[in-house]
Amino acid sequence: MANQNILDLVQQRAESLVAENLRSSSIAISRLRELIAEANRLGHSHSAIHARLQAGGLRTSWNNYRVSLVRARKTATGIADRGAGTAAPPKPVSTAEVINPVGQNAFVAAAPPLSPTRVLDALAGAKQVASRDYAQVARDLHRKTRK
């Protein structure tokens, strides 16, 4: 009986998440990830769980359900790995340490910090370079070498 109650709980939680008007169904699935895993561990198929989610009002296709569940698992695993691996935040590294890590070259000065305007200008330049059609350049180069 408890085995069937978990599917009822999945449906009820889906109904409450649908009532919150979340941005996407993948957010709801990520919030239900642990409950879905428990239902699957108890022997319920993912198709039955997906059917209960739809009965709860969550409109998502089978493929979106599977992809969202995999992404939610990966995200949870990544957060757990990051949380377990570091006890304290890493010490910030200055540009002087990067340029001169062991103090061998005393004449190398630390680079001045970049202003936000210079960074934005560099990003705009990179965007312009990236938008160039290199296929046309390659065709022109090929034509010149054939002549």
C-alpha atoms as a PDB file:
ATOM      1  CA  MET A   1       0.000   0.000   0.000  1.00  0.00           C
ATOM      2  CA  ALA A   2       2.858   2.400   0.793  1.00  0.00           C
ATOM      3  CA  ASN A   3       4.244   1.504  -2.603  1.00  0.00           C
ATOM      4  CA  GLN A   4       1.175   3.012  -4.315  1.00  0.00           C
ATOM      5  CA  ASN A   5       1.089   6.020  -1.977  1.00  0.00           C
ATOM      6  CA  ILE A   6       4.366   7.319  -3.360  1.00  0.00           C
ATOM      7  CA  LEU A   7       2.792   7.716  -6.799  1.00  0.00           C
ATOM      8  CA  ASP A   8      -0.076   9.618  -5.175  1.00  0.00           C
ATOM      9  CA  LEU A   9       2.515  11.811  -3.458  1.00  0.00           C
ATOM     10  CA  VAL A  10       4.274  12.423  -6.806  1.00  0.00           C
ATOM     11  CA  GLN A  11       0.955  13.512  -8.313  1.00  0.00           C
ATOM     12  CA  GLN A  12       0.112  15.778  -5.364  1.00  0.00           C
ATOM     13  CA  ARG A  13       3.520  17.457  -5.425  1.00  0.00           C
ATOM     14  CA  ALA A  14       3.225  17.912  -9.185  1.00  0.00           C
ATOM     15  CA  GLU A  15      -0.151  19.587  -8.676  1.00  0.00           C
ATOM     16  CA  SER A  16       1.323  21.962  -6.090  1.00  0.00           C
ATOM     17  CA  LEU A  17       4.267  22.823  -8.370  1.00  0.00           C
ATOM     18  CA  VAL A  18       1.930  23.443 -11.309  1.00  0.00           C
ATOM     19  CA  ALA A  19      -0.061  25.782  -9.061  1.00  0.00           C
ATOM     20  CA  GLU A  20       3.132  27.804  -8.492  1.00  0.00           C
ATOM     21  CA  ASN A  21       3.317  28.548 -12.261  1.00  0.00           C
ATOM     22  CA  LEU A  22       6.992  27.717 -12.601  1.00  0.00           C
ATOM     23  CA  ARG A  23       8.869  28.829 -15.715  1.00  0.00           C
ATOM     24  CA  SER A  24       9.294  25.332 -17.093  1.00  0.00           C
ATOM     25  CA  SER A  25       8.477  21.727 -16.446  1.00  0.00           C
ATOM     26  CA  SER A  26      12.160  20.937 -15.999  1.00  0.00           C
ATOM     27  CA  ILE A  27      12.238  23.046 -12.827  1.00  0.00           C
ATOM     28  CA  ALA A  28       9.339  21.046 -11.434  1.00  0.00           C
ATOM     29  CA  ILE A  29      11.043  17.776 -12.348  1.00  0.00           C
ATOM     30  CA  SER A  30      14.281  18.903 -10.706  1.00  0.00           C
ATOM     31  CA  ARG A  31      12.373  19.713  -7.523  1.00  0.00           C
ATOM     32  CA  LEU A  32      10.717  16.280  -7.645  1.00  0.00           C
ATOM     33  CA  ARG A  33      13.970  14.468  -8.450  1.00  0.00           C
ATOM     34  CA  GLU A  34      14.400  12.768  -5.078  1.00  0.00           C
ATOM     35  CA  LEU A  35      10.766  11.695  -4.920  1.00  0.00           C
ATOM     36  CA  ILE A  36      10.970  10.341  -8.471  1.00  0.00           C
ATOM     37  CA  ALA A  37      14.136   8.423  -7.574  1.00  0.00           C
ATOM     38  CA  GLU A  38      12.445   6.932  -4.523  1.00  0.00           C
ATOM     39  CA  ALA A  39       9.396   5.876  -6.555  1.00  0.00           C
ATOM     40  CA  ASN A  40      11.661   4.277  -9.138  1.00  0.00           C
ATOM     41  CA  ARG A  41      13.661   2.545  -6.415  1.00  0.00           C
ATOM     42  CA  LEU A  42      10.419   1.083  -5.053  1.00  0.00           C
ATOM     43  CA  GLY A  43       9.783  -0.503  -8.443  1.00  0.00           C
ATOM     44  CA  HIS A  44       7.625   1.991 -10.324  1.00  0.00           C
ATOM     45  CA  SER A  45       8.564   2.520 -13.940  1.00  0.00           C
ATOM     46  CA  HIS A  46       9.419   5.946 -15.249  1.00  0.00           C
ATOM     47  CA  SER A  47       6.482   5.735 -17.640  1.00  0.00           C
ATOM     48  CA  ALA A  48       4.127   5.301 -14.652  1.00  0.00           C
ATOM     49  CA  ILE A  49       5.805   8.208 -12.845  1.00  0.00           C
ATOM     50  CA  HIS A  50       5.564  10.348 -15.993  1.00  0.00           C
ATOM     51  CA  ALA A  51       1.863   9.471 -16.280  1.00  0.00           C
ATOM     52  CA  ARG A  52       1.292  10.580 -12.681  1.00  0.00           C
ATOM     53  CA  LEU A  53       3.129  13.855 -13.332  1.00  0.00           C
ATOM     54  CA  GLN A  54       0.854  14.502 -16.283  1.00  0.00           C
ATOM     55  CA  ALA A  55      -2.180  13.580 -14.184  1.00  0.00           C
ATOM     56  CA  GLY A  56      -0.979  16.198 -11.717  1.00  0.00           C
ATOM     57  CA  GLY A  57      -1.114  18.812 -14.467  1.00  0.00           C
ATOM     58  CA  LEU A  58       2.556  18.947 -15.432  1.00  0.00           C
ATOM     59  CA  ARG A  59       2.609  19.210 -19.212  1.00  0.00           C
ATOM     60  CA  THR A  60       5.821  17.653 -20.443  1.00  0.00           C
ATOM     61  CA  SER A  61       6.658  15.155 -23.147  1.00  0.00           C
ATOM     62  CA  TRP A  62       8.359  11.848 -22.453  1.00  0.00           C
ATOM     63  CA  ASN A  63      11.626  13.081 -23.968  1.00  0.00           C
ATOM     64  CA  ASN A  64      11.577  16.314 -21.953  1.00  0.00           C
ATOM     65  CA  TYR A  65      10.888  14.302 -18.791  1.00  0.00           C
ATOM     66  CA  ARG A  66      13.893  12.059 -19.401  1.00  0.00           C
ATOM     67  CA  VAL A  67      16.248  14.906 -20.319  1.00  0.00           C
ATOM     68  CA  SER A  68      15.129  17.059 -17.385  1.00  0.00           C
ATOM     69  CA  LEU A  69      15.606  14.179 -14.972  1.00  0.00           C
ATOM     70  CA  VAL A  70      19.125  13.476 -16.256  1.00  0.00           C
ATOM     71  CA  ARG A  71      20.058  17.161 -15.997  1.00  0.00           C
ATOM     72  CA  ALA A  72      18.657  17.377 -12.475  1.00  0.00           C
ATOM     73  CA  ARG A  73      20.703  14.330 -11.443  1.00  0.00           C
ATOM     74  CA  LYS A  74      23.879  15.779 -12.962  1.00  0.00           C
ATOM     75  CA  THR A  75      23.313  19.120 -11.265  1.00  0.00           C
ATOM     76  CA  ALA A  76      22.726  17.480  -7.895  1.00  0.00           C
ATOM     77  CA  THR A  77      25.813  15.302  -8.308  1.00  0.00           C
ATOM     78  CA  GLY A  78      27.931  18.302  -9.290  1.00  0.00           C
ATOM     79  CA  ILE A  79      26.780  20.298  -6.283  1.00  0.00           C
ATOM     80  CA  ALA A  80      27.470  17.389  -3.960  1.00  0.00           C
ATOM     81  CA  ASP A  81      30.949  16.893  -5.454  1.00  0.00           C
ATOM     82  CA  ARG A  82      31.814  20.560  -5.134  1.00  0.00           C
ATOM     83  CA  GLY A  83      30.492  20.750  -1.589  1.00  0.00           C
ATOM     84  CA  ALA A  84      32.389  17.674  -0.423  1.00  0.00           C
ATOM     85  CA  GLY A  85      35.679  18.553  -2.108  1.00  0.00           C
ATOM     86  CA  THR A  86      36.321  21.989  -0.661  1.00  0.00           C
ATOM     87  CA  ALA A  87      36.260  22.914   3.000  1.00  0.00           C
ATOM     88  CA  ALA A  88      37.118  26.580   2.476  1.00  0.00           C
ATOM     89  CA  PRO A  89      36.898  28.840  -0.562  1.00  0.00           C
ATOM     90  CA  PRO A  90      40.125  29.019  -2.564  1.00  0.00           C
ATOM     91  CA  LYS A  91      42.518  31.880  -1.869  1.00  0.00           C
ATOM     92  CA  PRO A  92      42.324  34.571  -4.567  1.00  0.00           C
ATOM     93  CA  VAL A  93      45.403  34.758  -6.759  1.00  0.00           C
ATOM     94  CA  SER A  94      46.781  38.154  -7.690  1.00  0.00           C
ATOM     95  CA  THR A  95      48.083  38.945 -11.155  1.00  0.00           C
ATOM     96  CA  ALA A  96      51.549  39.439  -9.671  1.00  0.00           C
ATOM     97  CA  GLU A  97      51.550  35.818  -8.474  1.00  0.00           C
ATOM     98  CA  VAL A  98      50.474  34.596 -11.896  1.00  0.00           C
ATOM     99  CA  ILE A  99      53.132  36.600 -13.731  1.00  0.00           C
ATOM    100  CA  ASN A 100      55.853  35.992 -11.154  1.00  0.00           C
ATOM    101  CA  PRO A 101      54.886  32.822  -9.255  1.00  0.00           C
ATOM    102  CA  VAL A 102      58.185  32.198  -7.486  1.00  0.00           C
ATOM    103  CA  GLY A 103      59.729  35.663  -7.544  1.00  0.00           C
ATOM    104  CA  GLN A 104      62.452  34.843 -10.072  1.00  0.00           C
ATOM    105  CA  ASN A 105      61.969  37.855 -12.303  1.00  0.00           C
ATOM    106  CA  ALA A 106      61.712  40.926 -10.072  1.00  0.00           C
ATOM    107  CA  PHE A 107      61.469  43.296 -13.056  1.00  0.00           C
ATOM    108  CA  VAL A 108      58.069  42.020 -14.163  1.00  0.00           C
ATOM    109  CA  ALA A 109      55.418  44.348 -12.821  1.00  0.00           C
ATOM    110  CA  ALA A 110      51.882  43.361 -12.009  1.00  0.00           C
ATOM    111  CA  ALA A 111      49.367  44.197 -14.706  1.00  0.00           C
ATOM    112  CA  PRO A 112      46.955  46.992 -13.814  1.00  0.00           C
ATOM    113  CA  PRO A 113      43.367  45.875 -13.256  1.00  0.00           C
ATOM    114  CA  LEU A 114      41.167  46.115 -16.322  1.00  0.00           C
ATOM    115  CA  SER A 115      38.422  48.684 -16.272  1.00  0.00           C
ATOM    116  CA  PRO A 116      34.884  47.520 -17.120  1.00  0.00           C
ATOM    117  CA  THR A 117      34.937  49.708 -20.234  1.00  0.00           C
ATOM    118  CA  ARG A 118      38.071  47.999 -21.591  1.00  0.00           C
ATOM    119  CA  VAL A 119      36.573  44.593 -20.897  1.00  0.00           C
ATOM    120  CA  LEU A 120      33.340  45.486 -22.697  1.00  0.00           C
ATOM    121  CA  ASP A 121      35.317  46.886 -25.643  1.00  0.00           C
ATOM    122  CA  ALA A 122      37.334  43.672 -25.841  1.00  0.00           C
ATOM    123  CA  LEU A 123      34.155  41.598 -25.770  1.00  0.00           C
ATOM    124  CA  ALA A 124      32.617  43.712 -28.534  1.00  0.00           C
ATOM    125  CA  GLY A 125      35.743  43.243 -30.637  1.00  0.00           C
ATOM    126  CA  ALA A 126      35.685  39.483 -30.058  1.00  0.00           C
ATOM    127  CA  LYS A 127      32.026  39.372 -31.059  1.00  0.00           C
ATOM    128  CA  GLN A 128      32.785  41.231 -34.277  1.00  0.00           C
ATOM    129  CA  VAL A 129      35.655  38.868 -35.116  1.00  0.00           C
ATOM    130  CA  ALA A 130      33.520  35.826 -34.336  1.00  0.00           C
ATOM    131  CA  SER A 131      30.733  37.014 -36.620  1.00  0.00           C
ATOM    132  CA  ARG A 132      33.003  37.165 -39.669  1.00  0.00           C
ATOM    133  CA  ASP A 133      32.200  34.673 -42.390  1.00  0.00           C
ATOM    134  CA  TYR A 134      35.408  32.693 -42.717  1.00  0.00           C
ATOM    135  CA  ALA A 135      33.885  30.458 -45.368  1.00  0.00           C
ATOM    136  CA  GLN A 136      33.997  33.371 -47.804  1.00  0.00           C
ATOM    137  CA  VAL A 137      37.604  34.097 -46.842  1.00  0.00           C
ATOM    138  CA  ALA A 138      38.521  30.449 -47.472  1.00  0.00           C
ATOM    139  CA  ARG A 139      36.806  30.476 -50.883  1.00  0.00           C
ATOM    140  CA  ASP A 140      38.641  33.656 -51.886  1.00  0.00           C
ATOM    141  CA  LEU A 141      41.956  32.179 -50.758  1.00  0.00           C
ATOM    142  CA  HIS A 142      41.264  28.982 -52.695  1.00  0.00           C
ATOM    143  CA  ARG A 143      40.487  30.967 -55.847  1.00  0.00           C
ATOM    144  CA  LYS A 144      43.740  32.921 -55.556  1.00  0.00           C
ATOM    145  CA  THR A 145      45.851  29.806 -55.142  1.00  0.00           C
ATOM    146  CA  ARG A 146      44.229  28.063 -58.133  1.00  0.00           C
ATOM    147  CA  LYS A 147      45.100  30.850 -60.582  1.00  0.00           C
END
